[in-house]
Amino acid sequence: MAGFIGKELHALDDKGRLMIPVRFRRDFFPSASSKGIYLYLMKAPDGSLELYEPEIWQQTKIALAGLSDFNPDERLLKTMLYESLDIVAVDRQGRIALSRESLDHAGIEKDALIMGADTKLVIWEPGRLHALLEGNIERFSSLARRFF
């Protein structure tokens, strides 16, 4: 199955709900019904929000379970990750409700850019993403050479 690729701009509704773009929902909901669908929402350190399908998050959950609560660094990592994690339900219209805490973390007031990043969706405040990209444009070539 192909990963999530592309981006779309959507506005929050009056209740702080965000519409998941149709092209991404098709991957989340292989059947006609979206009943009972939920996603893992993580506040990322870069100021974005990340959405994971349960099957994808399961891999991270297994890795976290292997970390020791008696090793201070491993325990700190688990604490930091779980503090930033929430579960959001997808309603019948394909929307997720974002908490005030999540919206504040991402700096989202009205518009949100939903970007496919292969195994996850990343939600950005459009201006914040633009500033990140513009502020690092000169690093793209060196990063690409370093990792590819």
N, C-alpha and C. Protein backbone atom coordinates (compact mmCIF):
# COMPACT_ATOMS: atom_id res chain seq x y z
N MET A 1 0.84 -1.18 0.00
CA MET A 1 0.00 0.00 0.00
C MET A 1 0.89 1.24 0.00
N ALA A 2 0.53 2.22 -0.81
CA ALA A 2 1.26 3.48 -0.86
C ALA A 2 1.05 4.25 0.44
N GLY A 3 2.04 5.03 0.81
CA GLY A 3 1.94 5.83 2.02
C GLY A 3 1.17 7.12 1.77
N PHE A 4 1.05 7.90 2.82
CA PHE A 4 0.38 9.19 2.73
C PHE A 4 1.33 10.19 2.08
N ILE A 5 0.91 10.79 0.98
CA ILE A 5 1.71 11.77 0.26
C ILE A 5 0.79 12.90 -0.17
N GLY A 6 1.28 14.13 -0.08
CA GLY A 6 0.52 15.30 -0.48
C GLY A 6 0.16 16.16 0.72
N LYS A 7 -0.48 17.28 0.44
CA LYS A 7 -0.88 18.18 1.52
C LYS A 7 -2.15 18.92 1.13
N GLU A 8 -2.91 19.28 2.15
CA GLU A 8 -4.14 20.04 1.94
C GLU A 8 -4.34 20.99 3.11
N LEU A 9 -4.92 22.13 2.81
CA LEU A 9 -5.23 23.13 3.82
C LEU A 9 -6.70 23.02 4.18
N HIS A 10 -6.98 22.95 5.48
CA HIS A 10 -8.36 22.88 5.96
C HIS A 10 -8.52 23.82 7.15
N ALA A 11 -9.72 24.33 7.32
CA ALA A 11 -10.01 25.20 8.46
C ALA A 11 -10.67 24.37 9.56
N LEU A 12 -10.36 24.73 10.80
CA LEU A 12 -11.05 24.13 11.93
C LEU A 12 -12.49 24.61 11.91
N ASP A 13 -13.41 23.77 12.38
CA ASP A 13 -14.78 24.25 12.53
C ASP A 13 -14.91 24.95 13.89
N ASP A 14 -16.09 25.43 14.20
CA ASP A 14 -16.31 26.19 15.43
C ASP A 14 -16.03 25.39 16.71
N LYS A 15 -16.05 24.07 16.60
CA LYS A 15 -15.81 23.22 17.77
C LYS A 15 -14.38 22.69 17.83
N GLY A 16 -13.50 23.23 16.99
CA GLY A 16 -12.11 22.80 17.00
C GLY A 16 -11.87 21.47 16.31
N ARG A 17 -12.78 21.09 15.44
CA ARG A 17 -12.61 19.83 14.72
C ARG A 17 -11.93 20.09 13.38
N LEU A 18 -11.12 19.14 12.97
CA LEU A 18 -10.38 19.24 11.72
C LEU A 18 -10.78 18.10 10.80
N MET A 19 -11.09 18.44 9.57
CA MET A 19 -11.46 17.44 8.56
C MET A 19 -10.20 16.76 8.04
N ILE A 20 -10.19 15.44 8.08
CA ILE A 20 -9.11 14.69 7.46
C ILE A 20 -9.42 14.64 5.96
N PRO A 21 -8.49 15.05 5.11
CA PRO A 21 -8.76 15.07 3.67
C PRO A 21 -9.23 13.71 3.15
N VAL A 22 -10.14 13.75 2.20
CA VAL A 22 -10.75 12.54 1.65
C VAL A 22 -9.69 11.57 1.15
N ARG A 23 -8.68 12.06 0.46
CA ARG A 23 -7.69 11.14 -0.09
C ARG A 23 -6.93 10.38 1.00
N PHE A 24 -6.79 10.97 2.18
CA PHE A 24 -6.15 10.27 3.29
C PHE A 24 -7.14 9.36 4.00
N ARG A 25 -8.39 9.78 4.07
CA ARG A 25 -9.40 8.95 4.73
C ARG A 25 -9.59 7.64 3.99
N ARG A 26 -9.44 7.64 2.71
CA ARG A 26 -9.59 6.39 1.95
C ARG A 26 -8.59 5.35 2.44
N ASP A 27 -7.40 5.80 2.83
CA ASP A 27 -6.40 4.86 3.35
C ASP A 27 -6.75 4.42 4.77
N PHE A 28 -7.31 5.34 5.57
CA PHE A 28 -7.71 4.99 6.93
C PHE A 28 -8.89 4.05 6.95
N PHE A 29 -9.80 4.26 6.00
CA PHE A 29 -11.07 3.53 6.03
C PHE A 29 -11.21 2.68 4.77
N PRO A 30 -10.61 1.52 4.74
CA PRO A 30 -10.72 0.68 3.55
C PRO A 30 -12.16 0.24 3.28
N SER A 31 -12.97 0.17 4.30
CA SER A 31 -14.38 -0.18 4.09
C SER A 31 -15.18 1.11 3.97
N ALA A 32 -16.43 1.00 3.65
CA ALA A 32 -17.27 2.18 3.44
C ALA A 32 -17.57 2.92 4.74
N SER A 33 -17.47 2.25 5.87
CA SER A 33 -17.83 2.86 7.15
C SER A 33 -16.59 3.30 7.92
N SER A 34 -16.68 4.47 8.57
CA SER A 34 -15.58 4.93 9.40
C SER A 34 -15.91 4.74 10.88
N LYS A 35 -16.90 3.94 11.15
CA LYS A 35 -17.35 3.73 12.54
C LYS A 35 -16.25 3.07 13.37
N GLY A 36 -15.97 3.66 14.52
CA GLY A 36 -15.01 3.08 15.43
C GLY A 36 -13.55 3.34 15.08
N ILE A 37 -13.27 4.27 14.18
CA ILE A 37 -11.90 4.55 13.79
C ILE A 37 -11.30 5.57 14.76
N TYR A 38 -10.08 5.32 15.20
CA TYR A 38 -9.37 6.27 16.04
C TYR A 38 -7.92 6.33 15.58
N LEU A 39 -7.26 7.41 15.94
CA LEU A 39 -5.88 7.65 15.56
C LEU A 39 -5.10 8.09 16.80
N TYR A 40 -3.82 7.84 16.78
CA TYR A 40 -2.94 8.33 17.83
C TYR A 40 -2.44 9.71 17.40
N LEU A 41 -2.57 10.68 18.30
CA LEU A 41 -2.15 12.06 18.05
C LEU A 41 -0.98 12.38 18.98
N MET A 42 0.13 12.80 18.38
CA MET A 42 1.30 13.13 19.18
C MET A 42 1.71 14.57 18.93
N LYS A 43 1.98 15.30 20.03
CA LYS A 43 2.54 16.64 19.94
C LYS A 43 4.04 16.46 19.67
N ALA A 44 4.47 16.80 18.47
CA ALA A 44 5.87 16.60 18.10
C ALA A 44 6.75 17.74 18.62
N PRO A 45 8.02 17.45 18.89
CA PRO A 45 8.91 18.48 19.42
C PRO A 45 9.10 19.69 18.49
N ASP A 46 8.85 19.53 17.19
CA ASP A 46 9.03 20.65 16.26
C ASP A 46 7.83 21.59 16.19
N GLY A 47 6.82 21.34 17.02
CA GLY A 47 5.65 22.21 17.04
C GLY A 47 4.53 21.77 16.13
N SER A 48 4.64 20.61 15.55
CA SER A 48 3.56 20.05 14.72
C SER A 48 2.79 19.01 15.54
N LEU A 49 1.75 18.48 14.92
CA LEU A 49 0.99 17.36 15.48
C LEU A 49 1.12 16.20 14.50
N GLU A 50 1.28 14.99 15.01
CA GLU A 50 1.40 13.83 14.14
C GLU A 50 0.26 12.86 14.43
N LEU A 51 -0.30 12.31 13.35
CA LEU A 51 -1.38 11.32 13.45
C LEU A 51 -0.87 9.97 12.95
N TYR A 52 -1.12 8.95 13.75
CA TYR A 52 -0.71 7.59 13.40
C TYR A 52 -1.91 6.66 13.45
N GLU A 53 -1.97 5.76 12.49
CA GLU A 53 -2.96 4.69 12.54
C GLU A 53 -2.55 3.73 13.66
N PRO A 54 -3.52 3.06 14.28
CA PRO A 54 -3.19 2.12 15.37
C PRO A 54 -2.16 1.06 14.97
N GLU A 55 -2.24 0.56 13.74
CA GLU A 55 -1.31 -0.48 13.31
C GLU A 55 0.12 0.05 13.25
N ILE A 56 0.28 1.29 12.84
CA ILE A 56 1.61 1.90 12.77
C ILE A 56 2.12 2.22 14.17
N TRP A 57 1.24 2.78 15.02
CA TRP A 57 1.67 3.11 16.38
C TRP A 57 2.05 1.86 17.16
N GLN A 58 1.47 0.74 16.83
CA GLN A 58 1.75 -0.52 17.54
C GLN A 58 3.25 -0.83 17.52
N GLN A 59 3.92 -0.51 16.41
CA GLN A 59 5.37 -0.75 16.31
C GLN A 59 6.12 0.08 17.35
N THR A 60 5.73 1.33 17.51
CA THR A 60 6.35 2.21 18.51
C THR A 60 6.03 1.72 19.91
N LYS A 61 4.80 1.28 20.11
CA LYS A 61 4.38 0.79 21.42
C LYS A 61 5.23 -0.40 21.85
N ILE A 62 5.51 -1.29 20.93
CA ILE A 62 6.34 -2.46 21.23
C ILE A 62 7.76 -2.01 21.61
N ALA A 63 8.29 -1.05 20.85
CA ALA A 63 9.63 -0.54 21.15
C ALA A 63 9.66 0.13 22.53
N LEU A 64 8.64 0.90 22.86
CA LEU A 64 8.57 1.57 24.17
C LEU A 64 8.44 0.55 25.31
N ALA A 65 7.69 -0.50 25.06
CA ALA A 65 7.53 -1.53 26.10
C ALA A 65 8.85 -2.21 26.42
N GLY A 66 9.77 -2.21 25.47
CA GLY A 66 11.07 -2.81 25.68
C GLY A 66 12.04 -1.94 26.47
N LEU A 67 11.66 -0.67 26.69
CA LEU A 67 12.51 0.22 27.47
C LEU A 67 12.29 -0.01 28.95
N SER A 68 13.35 0.17 29.73
CA SER A 68 13.30 -0.10 31.16
C SER A 68 12.83 1.12 31.95
N ASP A 69 11.94 0.89 32.89
CA ASP A 69 11.53 1.95 33.81
C ASP A 69 12.62 2.21 34.85
N PHE A 70 13.63 1.37 34.93
CA PHE A 70 14.70 1.52 35.91
C PHE A 70 15.92 2.23 35.33
N ASN A 71 15.93 2.45 34.01
CA ASN A 71 16.99 3.23 33.37
C ASN A 71 16.47 4.66 33.26
N PRO A 72 17.12 5.63 33.88
CA PRO A 72 16.59 7.00 33.91
C PRO A 72 16.35 7.61 32.53
N ASP A 73 17.25 7.38 31.57
CA ASP A 73 17.06 7.94 30.24
C ASP A 73 15.88 7.30 29.51
N GLU A 74 15.76 5.99 29.63
CA GLU A 74 14.66 5.28 28.98
C GLU A 74 13.33 5.68 29.61
N ARG A 75 13.31 5.79 30.91
CA ARG A 75 12.08 6.21 31.61
C ARG A 75 11.70 7.63 31.21
N LEU A 76 12.68 8.53 31.09
CA LEU A 76 12.41 9.90 30.68
C LEU A 76 11.83 9.95 29.27
N LEU A 77 12.41 9.18 28.37
CA LEU A 77 11.89 9.13 27.00
C LEU A 77 10.44 8.66 26.99
N LYS A 78 10.15 7.59 27.72
CA LYS A 78 8.77 7.10 27.78
C LYS A 78 7.83 8.15 28.35
N THR A 79 8.26 8.81 29.41
CA THR A 79 7.43 9.84 30.03
C THR A 79 7.15 10.97 29.05
N MET A 80 8.19 11.42 28.36
CA MET A 80 8.03 12.52 27.41
C MET A 80 7.11 12.13 26.24
N LEU A 81 7.27 10.92 25.74
CA LEU A 81 6.43 10.48 24.62
C LEU A 81 4.97 10.32 25.05
N TYR A 82 4.75 9.65 26.17
CA TYR A 82 3.37 9.42 26.60
C TYR A 82 2.67 10.70 27.04
N GLU A 83 3.45 11.68 27.55
CA GLU A 83 2.85 12.97 27.90
C GLU A 83 2.35 13.69 26.66
N SER A 84 2.99 13.45 25.53
CA SER A 84 2.63 14.15 24.30
C SER A 84 1.60 13.40 23.46
N LEU A 85 1.12 12.27 23.95
CA LEU A 85 0.26 11.39 23.17
C LEU A 85 -1.20 11.46 23.60
N ASP A 86 -2.08 11.35 22.63
CA ASP A 86 -3.52 11.29 22.89
C ASP A 86 -4.14 10.38 21.83
N ILE A 87 -5.37 9.99 22.06
CA ILE A 87 -6.13 9.23 21.07
C ILE A 87 -7.31 10.08 20.65
N VAL A 88 -7.52 10.19 19.33
CA VAL A 88 -8.64 10.96 18.82
C VAL A 88 -9.52 10.06 17.95
N ALA A 89 -10.81 10.23 18.12
CA ALA A 89 -11.77 9.47 17.32
C ALA A 89 -12.05 10.23 16.03
N VAL A 90 -12.27 9.48 14.98
CA VAL A 90 -12.66 10.06 13.70
C VAL A 90 -14.17 9.90 13.60
N ASP A 91 -14.89 11.04 13.45
CA ASP A 91 -16.34 10.96 13.39
C ASP A 91 -16.81 10.53 11.99
N ARG A 92 -18.10 10.41 11.83
CA ARG A 92 -18.65 9.92 10.56
C ARG A 92 -18.39 10.84 9.38
N GLN A 93 -18.11 12.11 9.67
CA GLN A 93 -17.81 13.07 8.61
C GLN A 93 -16.30 13.14 8.34
N GLY A 94 -15.52 12.33 9.03
CA GLY A 94 -14.08 12.31 8.80
C GLY A 94 -13.33 13.39 9.54
N ARG A 95 -13.89 13.88 10.65
CA ARG A 95 -13.25 14.94 11.43
C ARG A 95 -12.68 14.37 12.72
N ILE A 96 -11.64 15.06 13.21
CA ILE A 96 -11.10 14.75 14.54
C ILE A 96 -11.21 16.01 15.39
N ALA A 97 -11.49 15.83 16.66
CA ALA A 97 -11.55 16.96 17.59
C ALA A 97 -10.17 17.14 18.19
N LEU A 98 -9.64 18.35 18.07
CA LEU A 98 -8.33 18.67 18.62
C LEU A 98 -8.50 19.45 19.91
N SER A 99 -7.83 19.02 20.95
CA SER A 99 -7.93 19.68 22.25
C SER A 99 -7.27 21.06 22.19
N ARG A 100 -7.63 21.92 23.11
CA ARG A 100 -7.01 23.25 23.20
C ARG A 100 -5.51 23.10 23.41
N GLU A 101 -5.09 22.13 24.22
CA GLU A 101 -3.66 21.89 24.46
C GLU A 101 -2.93 21.56 23.15
N SER A 102 -3.52 20.71 22.33
CA SER A 102 -2.90 20.34 21.05
C SER A 102 -2.86 21.53 20.10
N LEU A 103 -3.96 22.28 20.03
CA LEU A 103 -4.00 23.45 19.16
C LEU A 103 -2.97 24.49 19.59
N ASP A 104 -2.84 24.71 20.89
CA ASP A 104 -1.86 25.66 21.40
C ASP A 104 -0.44 25.20 21.09
N HIS A 105 -0.18 23.91 21.27
CA HIS A 105 1.15 23.36 20.98
C HIS A 105 1.54 23.64 19.53
N ALA A 106 0.59 23.46 18.62
CA ALA A 106 0.88 23.63 17.19
C ALA A 106 0.69 25.07 16.71
N GLY A 107 0.16 25.94 17.57
CA GLY A 107 -0.05 27.33 17.17
C GLY A 107 -1.20 27.48 16.18
N ILE A 108 -2.11 26.53 16.16
CA ILE A 108 -3.21 26.55 15.21
C ILE A 108 -4.38 27.32 15.79
N GLU A 109 -4.85 28.31 15.05
CA GLU A 109 -6.03 29.07 15.46
C GLU A 109 -7.21 28.80 14.54
N LYS A 110 -6.99 28.80 13.24
CA LYS A 110 -8.10 28.57 12.31
C LYS A 110 -7.75 27.56 11.21
N ASP A 111 -6.64 27.81 10.52
CA ASP A 111 -6.26 26.94 9.41
C ASP A 111 -5.17 25.96 9.81
N ALA A 112 -5.24 24.78 9.23
CA ALA A 112 -4.24 23.75 9.47
C ALA A 112 -3.88 23.10 8.14
N LEU A 113 -2.61 22.85 7.96
CA LEU A 113 -2.13 22.15 6.78
C LEU A 113 -1.88 20.71 7.17
N ILE A 114 -2.54 19.79 6.49
CA ILE A 114 -2.38 18.36 6.76
C ILE A 114 -1.47 17.81 5.67
N MET A 115 -0.34 17.27 6.09
CA MET A 115 0.67 16.81 5.14
C MET A 115 0.89 15.32 5.32
N GLY A 116 0.84 14.59 4.22
CA GLY A 116 1.16 13.18 4.25
C GLY A 116 2.66 12.99 4.35
N ALA A 117 3.11 12.16 5.28
CA ALA A 117 4.53 11.87 5.47
C ALA A 117 4.73 10.36 5.55
N ASP A 118 4.26 9.69 4.51
CA ASP A 118 4.37 8.25 4.34
C ASP A 118 3.54 7.47 5.37
N THR A 119 4.08 7.18 6.56
CA THR A 119 3.36 6.35 7.52
C THR A 119 2.55 7.16 8.52
N LYS A 120 2.56 8.48 8.38
CA LYS A 120 1.83 9.34 9.31
C LYS A 120 1.33 10.57 8.58
N LEU A 121 0.41 11.27 9.23
CA LEU A 121 -0.02 12.59 8.78
C LEU A 121 0.54 13.60 9.76
N VAL A 122 1.02 14.72 9.24
CA VAL A 122 1.57 15.77 10.08
C VAL A 122 0.70 17.01 9.90
N ILE A 123 0.29 17.59 11.01
CA ILE A 123 -0.58 18.77 11.00
C ILE A 123 0.25 19.98 11.42
N TRP A 124 0.25 20.99 10.58
CA TRP A 124 1.04 22.20 10.82
C TRP A 124 0.15 23.43 10.78
N GLU A 125 0.52 24.44 11.55
CA GLU A 125 -0.01 25.78 11.34
C GLU A 125 0.74 26.25 10.10
N PRO A 126 0.03 26.70 9.04
CA PRO A 126 0.69 26.99 7.76
C PRO A 126 1.87 27.96 7.86
N GLY A 127 1.74 29.03 8.63
CA GLY A 127 2.82 29.99 8.77
C GLY A 127 4.04 29.40 9.45
N ARG A 128 3.82 28.54 10.43
CA ARG A 128 4.92 27.90 11.15
C ARG A 128 5.69 26.97 10.23
N LEU A 129 4.98 26.19 9.41
CA LEU A 129 5.66 25.31 8.45
C LEU A 129 6.43 26.14 7.44
N HIS A 130 5.82 27.19 6.92
CA HIS A 130 6.48 28.05 5.95
C HIS A 130 7.77 28.62 6.53
N ALA A 131 7.71 29.11 7.76
CA ALA A 131 8.90 29.68 8.41
C ALA A 131 9.99 28.62 8.58
N LEU A 132 9.61 27.41 8.97
CA LEU A 132 10.57 26.32 9.13
C LEU A 132 11.26 26.02 7.81
N LEU A 133 10.48 25.89 6.75
CA LEU A 133 11.05 25.57 5.44
C LEU A 133 11.92 26.70 4.92
N GLU A 134 11.43 27.92 4.99
CA GLU A 134 12.20 29.07 4.50
C GLU A 134 13.48 29.26 5.31
N GLY A 135 13.41 29.05 6.60
CA GLY A 135 14.58 29.22 7.44
C GLY A 135 15.64 28.15 7.27
N ASN A 136 15.29 27.07 6.58
CA ASN A 136 16.23 25.96 6.41
C ASN A 136 16.46 25.59 4.96
N ILE A 137 16.04 26.43 4.04
CA ILE A 137 16.14 26.10 2.61
C ILE A 137 17.60 25.83 2.20
N GLU A 138 18.54 26.56 2.77
CA GLU A 138 19.95 26.37 2.41
C GLU A 138 20.50 25.05 2.93
N ARG A 139 19.82 24.42 3.87
CA ARG A 139 20.28 23.15 4.44
C ARG A 139 19.79 21.94 3.64
N PHE A 140 18.83 22.13 2.73
CA PHE A 140 18.23 21.01 2.03
C PHE A 140 19.27 20.16 1.29
N SER A 141 20.11 20.79 0.49
CA SER A 141 21.10 20.03 -0.30
C SER A 141 22.04 19.24 0.58
N SER A 142 22.55 19.86 1.65
CA SER A 142 23.49 19.14 2.52
C SER A 142 22.79 18.00 3.26
N LEU A 143 21.55 18.23 3.70
CA LEU A 143 20.82 17.15 4.36
C LEU A 143 20.53 16.00 3.41
N ALA A 144 20.14 16.34 2.17
CA ALA A 144 19.86 15.30 1.18
C ALA A 144 21.11 14.48 0.88
N ARG A 145 22.24 15.14 0.71
CA ARG A 145 23.50 14.41 0.46
C ARG A 145 23.88 13.54 1.65
N ARG A 146 23.61 14.03 2.84
CA ARG A 146 24.00 13.30 4.04
C ARG A 146 23.19 12.01 4.24
N PHE A 147 21.91 12.07 3.89
CA PHE A 147 21.05 10.92 4.17
C PHE A 147 20.68 10.08 2.96
N PHE A 148 20.98 10.55 1.76
CA PHE A 148 20.64 9.75 0.56
C PHE A 148 21.87 9.43 -0.24
